[in-house]
N, C-alpha and C. Protein backbone atom coordinates (compact mmCIF):
# COMPACT_ATOMS: atom_id res chain seq x y z
N MET A 1 -63.83 139.35 22.73
CA MET A 1 -64.26 140.00 23.44
C MET A 1 -64.74 138.59 24.62
N THR A 2 -64.95 138.96 25.66
CA THR A 2 -65.43 137.82 26.65
C THR A 2 -67.12 138.24 27.50
N GLY A 3 -67.38 137.56 27.82
CA GLY A 3 -68.72 137.42 28.85
C GLY A 3 -70.04 137.08 28.26
N GLU A 4 -70.87 138.67 28.22
CA GLU A 4 -72.21 138.39 27.95
C GLU A 4 -72.15 138.34 26.21
N SER A 5 -72.92 137.70 25.06
CA SER A 5 -72.93 138.65 23.82
C SER A 5 -74.68 138.39 23.45
N PRO A 6 -74.74 139.44 23.14
CA PRO A 6 -74.28 140.67 22.15
C PRO A 6 -73.89 141.61 23.19
N LYS A 7 -72.55 142.54 22.20
CA LYS A 7 -72.17 143.49 22.93
C LYS A 7 -72.94 144.81 22.28
N VAL A 8 -73.30 146.08 23.15
CA VAL A 8 -74.39 146.90 22.26
C VAL A 8 -73.30 148.16 22.50
N LEU A 9 -72.86 148.87 21.15
CA LEU A 9 -72.05 150.30 21.44
C LEU A 9 -72.74 151.05 21.31
N ASP A 10 -73.04 152.06 22.18
CA ASP A 10 -73.93 152.59 21.54
C ASP A 10 -73.25 154.49 21.38
N VAL A 11 -73.19 154.50 20.09
CA VAL A 11 -72.47 156.14 19.25
C VAL A 11 -73.31 157.36 20.18
N LEU A 12 -74.37 157.31 19.76
CA LEU A 12 -74.81 158.40 19.99
C LEU A 12 -75.04 158.87 21.19
N ALA A 13 -74.91 157.91 22.51
CA ALA A 13 -75.10 158.32 23.66
C ALA A 13 -73.27 159.25 24.19
N ASP A 14 -72.42 158.30 23.06
CA ASP A 14 -70.89 158.61 23.30
C ASP A 14 -70.38 159.49 22.68
N LEU A 15 -71.11 159.64 21.26
CA LEU A 15 -70.72 161.51 20.52
C LEU A 15 -71.47 161.99 20.56
N GLY A 16 -73.31 161.89 20.94
CA GLY A 16 -74.06 163.19 20.86
C GLY A 16 -74.94 163.00 19.47
N ARG A 17 -74.04 162.37 19.14
CA ARG A 17 -75.14 162.34 17.59
C ARG A 17 -74.21 161.06 17.19
N ASN A 18 -75.49 160.78 15.49
CA ASN A 18 -74.89 159.30 14.79
C ASN A 18 -73.53 159.52 14.25
N GLY A 19 -72.98 158.30 14.56
CA GLY A 19 -71.45 158.06 13.57
C GLY A 19 -71.79 157.60 12.17
N HIS A 20 -70.65 158.57 11.52
CA HIS A 20 -71.00 158.18 9.62
C HIS A 20 -69.24 157.81 9.20
N ASP A 21 -68.25 157.59 9.67
CA ASP A 21 -66.79 156.91 9.10
C ASP A 21 -66.43 156.53 10.61
N GLY A 22 -65.41 155.32 10.00
CA GLY A 22 -64.85 154.38 10.90
C GLY A 22 -64.43 152.76 10.11
N TYR A 23 -64.15 152.33 11.13
CA TYR A 23 -64.34 150.63 11.22
C TYR A 23 -63.77 149.99 12.33
N ILE A 24 -64.36 148.57 11.86
CA ILE A 24 -64.68 147.55 13.23
C ILE A 24 -63.83 146.78 12.12
N VAL A 25 -62.53 146.11 13.24
CA VAL A 25 -62.00 144.71 12.79
C VAL A 25 -61.68 143.70 13.57
N ASN A 26 -61.93 142.70 13.19
CA ASN A 26 -61.81 141.26 13.95
C ASN A 26 -60.56 140.93 14.01
N ASP A 27 -59.62 140.86 15.35
CA ASP A 27 -58.51 140.84 15.89
C ASP A 27 -58.39 139.50 16.72
N GLY A 28 -59.55 138.81 16.40
CA GLY A 28 -59.48 136.90 17.52
C GLY A 28 -59.37 136.32 16.05
N ALA A 29 -60.08 135.03 17.02
CA ALA A 29 -60.34 133.77 15.82
C ALA A 29 -61.40 133.58 15.84
N GLY A 30 -62.51 133.83 16.55
CA GLY A 30 -64.11 133.76 16.00
C GLY A 30 -64.51 134.39 15.53
N ASP A 31 -65.57 134.41 14.93
CA ASP A 31 -66.46 134.98 13.93
C ASP A 31 -67.23 135.91 14.70
N ILE A 32 -67.61 136.87 14.47
CA ILE A 32 -68.31 138.42 15.14
C ILE A 32 -68.92 138.32 14.09
N LYS A 33 -70.60 138.78 14.96
CA LYS A 33 -72.05 139.17 13.66
C LYS A 33 -72.30 140.96 14.24
N VAL A 34 -71.92 141.68 12.79
CA VAL A 34 -71.89 142.72 13.30
C VAL A 34 -73.32 143.60 12.80
N GLU A 35 -74.32 144.12 13.36
CA GLU A 35 -75.67 144.51 12.91
C GLU A 35 -75.37 145.86 13.26
N PHE A 36 -76.44 146.99 12.19
CA PHE A 36 -76.07 148.24 12.41
C PHE A 36 -77.61 149.07 13.09
N SER A 37 -77.88 150.20 13.51
CA SER A 37 -79.24 150.73 14.11
C SER A 37 -78.90 151.67 13.56
N ASP A 38 -79.74 152.87 12.77
CA ASP A 38 -79.36 154.28 13.14
C ASP A 38 -80.41 154.94 13.81
N ASP A 39 -81.09 154.54 14.22
CA ASP A 39 -82.02 154.82 15.44
C ASP A 39 -81.87 154.57 16.59
N GLY A 40 -81.34 153.36 17.16
CA GLY A 40 -80.82 153.33 18.08
C GLY A 40 -81.89 152.02 18.61
N ILE A 41 -82.64 151.25 17.59
CA ILE A 41 -83.95 150.67 18.10
C ILE A 41 -83.94 149.09 17.38
N THR A 42 -83.31 149.86 15.75
CA THR A 42 -83.97 148.98 14.95
C THR A 42 -82.76 148.53 13.92
N TYR A 43 -82.57 147.02 14.31
CA TYR A 43 -80.77 147.08 13.05
C TYR A 43 -81.33 146.46 12.52
N GLY A 44 -80.20 146.66 11.19
CA GLY A 44 -80.23 145.98 9.56
C GLY A 44 -80.02 144.83 9.32
N GLY A 45 -79.29 144.47 8.20
CA GLY A 45 -78.98 143.44 8.03
C GLY A 45 -77.24 143.07 8.74
N GLN A 46 -77.31 141.91 8.99
CA GLN A 46 -76.28 141.35 9.51
C GLN A 46 -74.45 141.18 8.79
N HIS A 47 -73.72 141.02 9.08
CA HIS A 47 -72.33 141.25 8.45
C HIS A 47 -71.36 141.07 9.48
N VAL A 48 -71.04 139.04 8.60
CA VAL A 48 -69.74 138.40 9.44
C VAL A 48 -69.02 138.54 9.14
N LEU A 49 -68.08 139.08 10.21
CA LEU A 49 -66.45 139.58 10.82
C LEU A 49 -65.61 137.77 10.75
N LYS A 50 -64.57 137.60 9.53
CA LYS A 50 -64.00 136.72 10.29
C LYS A 50 -62.34 136.51 10.47
N LYS A 51 -61.42 136.16 11.40
CA LYS A 51 -60.15 136.97 11.79
C LYS A 51 -59.42 137.68 11.12
N ASP A 52 -59.17 138.28 11.39
CA ASP A 52 -58.57 139.45 10.76
C ASP A 52 -59.13 140.00 9.33
N GLU A 53 -60.74 140.09 9.15
CA GLU A 53 -60.99 141.00 8.35
C GLU A 53 -61.77 142.25 9.28
N TRP A 54 -61.86 143.26 8.34
CA TRP A 54 -62.38 144.87 8.93
C TRP A 54 -63.94 144.98 8.21
N ILE A 55 -64.38 145.96 8.48
CA ILE A 55 -65.70 146.73 7.46
C ILE A 55 -65.55 147.95 7.85
N ASP A 56 -65.58 148.66 7.07
CA ASP A 56 -65.36 150.13 6.72
C ASP A 56 -66.51 150.98 6.81
N LEU A 57 -66.93 151.70 7.65
CA LEU A 57 -68.57 152.56 8.08
C LEU A 57 -68.60 153.74 8.02
N TYR A 58 -67.61 153.91 6.65
CA TYR A 58 -67.85 155.45 5.73
C TYR A 58 -69.29 155.85 5.10
N MET A 59 -70.27 156.60 5.20
CA MET A 59 -71.18 157.03 5.21
C MET A 59 -72.04 156.58 5.68
N LEU A 60 -72.02 155.15 6.56
CA LEU A 60 -73.20 155.14 7.26
C LEU A 60 -73.63 155.57 8.11
N ASP A 61 -75.04 155.74 8.62
CA ASP A 61 -75.98 156.66 9.66
C ASP A 61 -76.24 155.57 11.26
N ILE A 62 -75.35 156.00 11.87
CA ILE A 62 -74.73 154.77 13.11
C ILE A 62 -75.35 155.59 14.48
N ALA A 63 -76.20 155.36 14.85
CA ALA A 63 -76.39 155.52 16.70
C ALA A 63 -76.35 153.95 17.33
N LYS A 64 -76.35 152.83 16.63
CA LYS A 64 -75.76 151.97 17.96
C LYS A 64 -75.21 150.95 16.85
N ILE A 65 -74.53 149.96 17.52
CA ILE A 65 -73.43 148.60 16.84
C ILE A 65 -73.77 147.49 18.02
N ARG A 66 -74.32 146.48 17.01
CA ARG A 66 -74.37 144.86 17.98
C ARG A 66 -73.40 144.23 17.63
N LEU A 67 -72.33 143.71 18.50
CA LEU A 67 -71.74 142.64 18.28
C LEU A 67 -72.14 141.02 18.92
N THR A 68 -72.14 140.49 17.92
CA THR A 68 -72.17 139.32 18.86
C THR A 68 -71.40 138.06 18.50
N TRP A 69 -70.54 137.35 19.15
CA TRP A 69 -69.83 136.44 19.05
C TRP A 69 -70.14 134.97 19.75
N VAL A 70 -69.75 134.22 19.17
CA VAL A 70 -69.35 132.87 19.87
C VAL A 70 -68.19 132.47 20.51
N ALA A 71 -67.84 132.85 20.60
CA ALA A 71 -65.87 132.19 21.38
C ALA A 71 -65.42 133.74 21.77
N ASP A 72 -64.88 133.83 22.42
CA ASP A 72 -63.89 134.83 23.09
C ASP A 72 -63.22 135.33 21.94
N CYS A 73 -63.09 136.54 21.94
CA CYS A 73 -63.07 137.30 20.15
C CYS A 73 -62.60 138.61 20.42
N GLY A 74 -61.94 138.86 19.81
CA GLY A 74 -60.83 140.51 20.00
C GLY A 74 -61.84 141.71 18.63
N TYR A 75 -61.02 142.58 19.33
CA TYR A 75 -61.66 143.32 17.89
C TYR A 75 -61.29 145.14 18.47
N ARG A 76 -61.45 145.81 17.05
CA ARG A 76 -60.87 147.68 17.51
C ARG A 76 -61.96 147.56 16.47
N CYS A 77 -62.55 149.25 17.43
CA CYS A 77 -64.19 149.63 16.76
C CYS A 77 -63.29 151.39 16.63
N MET A 78 -63.63 151.86 15.69
CA MET A 78 -63.30 153.26 15.64
C MET A 78 -64.55 153.83 15.08
N VAL A 79 -65.12 155.04 15.27
CA VAL A 79 -66.62 155.76 15.07
C VAL A 79 -66.35 157.14 15.13
N VAL A 80 -66.55 157.86 13.89
CA VAL A 80 -66.60 159.04 14.16
C VAL A 80 -67.77 159.84 13.26
């Protein structure tokens, strides 16, 4: 990821509903802070993904995902 941090992934707008399964993988060298929102407004706890770490989104209720990074970083995200 390059450019402005944070990046917000609007799952509700893209799918037309909240997501409930998937994953996020940190493919870059830097850390990524991941936050989830079930209503699109408020965000819950923060999870930090280090290089090559991933988080499983199974059984979560996700309207938006906010990704924050300090240095340029790569990631993969799939939400269904």
